[in-house]
Structures are given as C-alpha cells and as structure tokens.
C-alpha atoms as a PDB file:
ATOM      1  CA  MET A   1      99.595  97.848 100.719  1.00  0.00           C
ATOM      2  CA  SER A   2     102.028  95.024  99.949  1.00  0.00           C
ATOM      3  CA  ILE A   3     104.136  94.393 103.043  1.00  0.00           C
ATOM      4  CA  GLU A   4     107.617  92.853 103.044  1.00  0.00           C
ATOM      5  CA  CYS A   5     109.061  92.022 106.491  1.00  0.00           C
ATOM      6  CA  LYS A   6     112.712  91.552 107.429  1.00  0.00           C
ATOM      7  CA  ASN A   7     114.168  90.705 110.833  1.00  0.00           C
ATOM      8  CA  GLN A   8     117.932  90.817 110.368  1.00  0.00           C
ATOM      9  CA  GLN A   9     120.888  92.180 112.279  1.00  0.00           C
ATOM     10  CA  LYS A  10     122.288  93.749 109.102  1.00  0.00           C
ATOM     11  CA  ILE A  11     119.883  94.582 106.294  1.00  0.00           C
ATOM     12  CA  ALA A  12     120.694  95.412 102.707  1.00  0.00           C
ATOM     13  CA  ILE A  13     118.067  98.159 102.637  1.00  0.00           C
ATOM     14  CA  TRP A  14     118.155  98.793  98.875  1.00  0.00           C
ATOM     15  CA  SER A  15     117.804  95.100  98.044  1.00  0.00           C
ATOM     16  CA  ALA A  16     114.957  94.747 100.515  1.00  0.00           C
ATOM     17  CA  LEU A  17     113.210  97.803  99.007  1.00  0.00           C
ATOM     18  CA  GLU A  18     113.636  96.358  95.507  1.00  0.00           C
ATOM     19  CA  GLN A  19     112.084  93.081  96.659  1.00  0.00           C
ATOM     20  CA  ALA A  20     109.194  94.910  98.331  1.00  0.00           C
ATOM     21  CA  GLY A  21     108.649  96.964  95.171  1.00  0.00           C
ATOM     22  CA  ALA A  22     108.709  93.925  92.876  1.00  0.00           C
ATOM     23  CA  ASN A  23     106.194  92.070  95.052  1.00  0.00           C
ATOM     24  CA  ALA A  24     103.973  95.138  95.308  1.00  0.00           C
ATOM     25  CA  GLU A  25     103.985  95.619  91.544  1.00  0.00           C
ATOM     26  CA  LYS A  26     102.751  92.028  91.049  1.00  0.00           C
ATOM     27  CA  GLU A  27      99.977  92.567  93.596  1.00  0.00           C
ATOM     28  CA  GLY A  28      99.019  96.056  92.412  1.00  0.00           C
ATOM     29  CA  TYR A  29      99.557  97.728  95.790  1.00  0.00           C
ATOM     30  CA  PRO A  30     102.081 100.271  97.070  1.00  0.00           C
ATOM     31  CA  PRO A  31     105.123  98.715  98.783  1.00  0.00           C
ATOM     32  CA  ALA A  32     105.926  98.832 102.483  1.00  0.00           C
ATOM     33  CA  LEU A  33     109.063  97.395 104.054  1.00  0.00           C
ATOM     34  CA  VAL A  34     108.908  96.551 107.767  1.00  0.00           C
ATOM     35  CA  PHE A  35     112.332  95.866 109.232  1.00  0.00           C
ATOM     36  CA  ALA A  36     113.821  95.243 112.645  1.00  0.00           C
ATOM     37  CA  ARG A  37     116.711  93.595 114.374  1.00  0.00           C
ATOM     38  CA  ASN A  38     116.760  91.634 117.592  1.00  0.00           C
ATOM     39  CA  HIS A  39     115.629  93.541 120.682  1.00  0.00           C
ATOM     40  CA  GLN A  40     114.900  96.705 118.670  1.00  0.00           C
ATOM     41  CA  SER A  41     111.671  98.396 117.639  1.00  0.00           C
ATOM     42  CA  PRO A  42     110.607  97.825 114.034  1.00  0.00           C
ATOM     43  CA  TYR A  43     110.625 100.549 111.374  1.00  0.00           C
ATOM     44  CA  VAL A  44     108.586 100.970 108.209  1.00  0.00           C
ATOM     45  CA  ALA A  45     109.837 102.280 104.863  1.00  0.00           C
ATOM     46  CA  ILE A  46     107.224 103.462 102.357  1.00  0.00           C
ATOM     47  CA  PRO A  47     107.460 105.672  99.263  1.00  0.00           C
ATOM     48  CA  LEU A  48     107.649 109.379 100.128  1.00  0.00           C
ATOM     49  CA  ASN A  49     104.564 110.271  98.068  1.00  0.00           C
ATOM     50  CA  LEU A  50     102.539 107.688 100.028  1.00  0.00           C
ATOM     51  CA  PHE A  51     103.847 109.051 103.343  1.00  0.00           C
ATOM     52  CA  ILE A  52     102.911 112.618 102.364  1.00  0.00           C
ATOM     53  CA  GLY A  53      99.479 111.424 101.239  1.00  0.00           C
ATOM     54  CA  LEU A  54      98.926 109.774 104.616  1.00  0.00           C
ATOM     55  CA  LEU A  55      99.971 112.949 106.398  1.00  0.00           C
ATOM     56  CA  LYS A  56      97.701 115.109 104.241  1.00  0.00           C
ATOM     57  CA  ALA A  57      94.771 112.772 104.934  1.00  0.00           C
ATOM     58  CA  ARG A  58      95.242 113.454 108.608  1.00  0.00           C
ATOM     59  CA  ARG A  59      92.949 116.225 109.765  1.00  0.00           C
ATOM     60  CA  GLY A  60      94.672 119.588 110.203  1.00  0.00           C
ATOM     61  CA  PHE A  61      98.044 118.582 108.746  1.00  0.00           C
ATOM     62  CA  GLN A  62      99.938 121.235 106.787  1.00  0.00           C
ATOM     63  CA  ILE A  63     103.319 121.101 105.076  1.00  0.00           C
ATOM     64  CA  VAL A  64     105.407 124.090 106.176  1.00  0.00           C
ATOM     65  CA  SER A  65     108.555 125.142 104.360  1.00  0.00           C
ATOM     66  CA  LYS A  66     111.740 126.065 106.232  1.00  0.00           C
ATOM     67  CA  GLU A  67     111.138 129.719 105.405  1.00  0.00           C
ATOM     68  CA  GLU A  68     107.708 129.647 107.052  1.00  0.00           C
ATOM     69  CA  ALA A  69     108.833 127.771 110.191  1.00  0.00           C
END
C-alpha cells in the first residue's frame, strides 16, 4: 500500500486523494490516505474495493443487503 499522510486543520480531501492516487500509481500499490487534525484521532481513506476485499478476507465476514438485515 502507498500511504499519503496529512495533518491539517482543514483538508482538501479530493486533492489529497488525487495526490495519494498519483503516488500509488508510480509505486504500483493501492493508495491509502491517512489524515488527522490537531488533538483528533486519525482516519484512513482507501478505495472501496480494497476495503471490501479486506473485510471479505476476515474470517466469517458476510455482506448483507438492507432487505436481508
């Protein structure tokens, strides 16, 4: 995974994601954006298909539709 980190009070999320994606493409890895602001917990933004793949890799995980819930 190619990780881009930002610690800013106000973040231009789409610009930061573009930068993470461009760097990841050069490195041949999927992008991950880690972002936080002062005195707050950090968050991670990754592509949805990667997130779902990570969830599916977890033992016993199932995707349930709204109709089934």
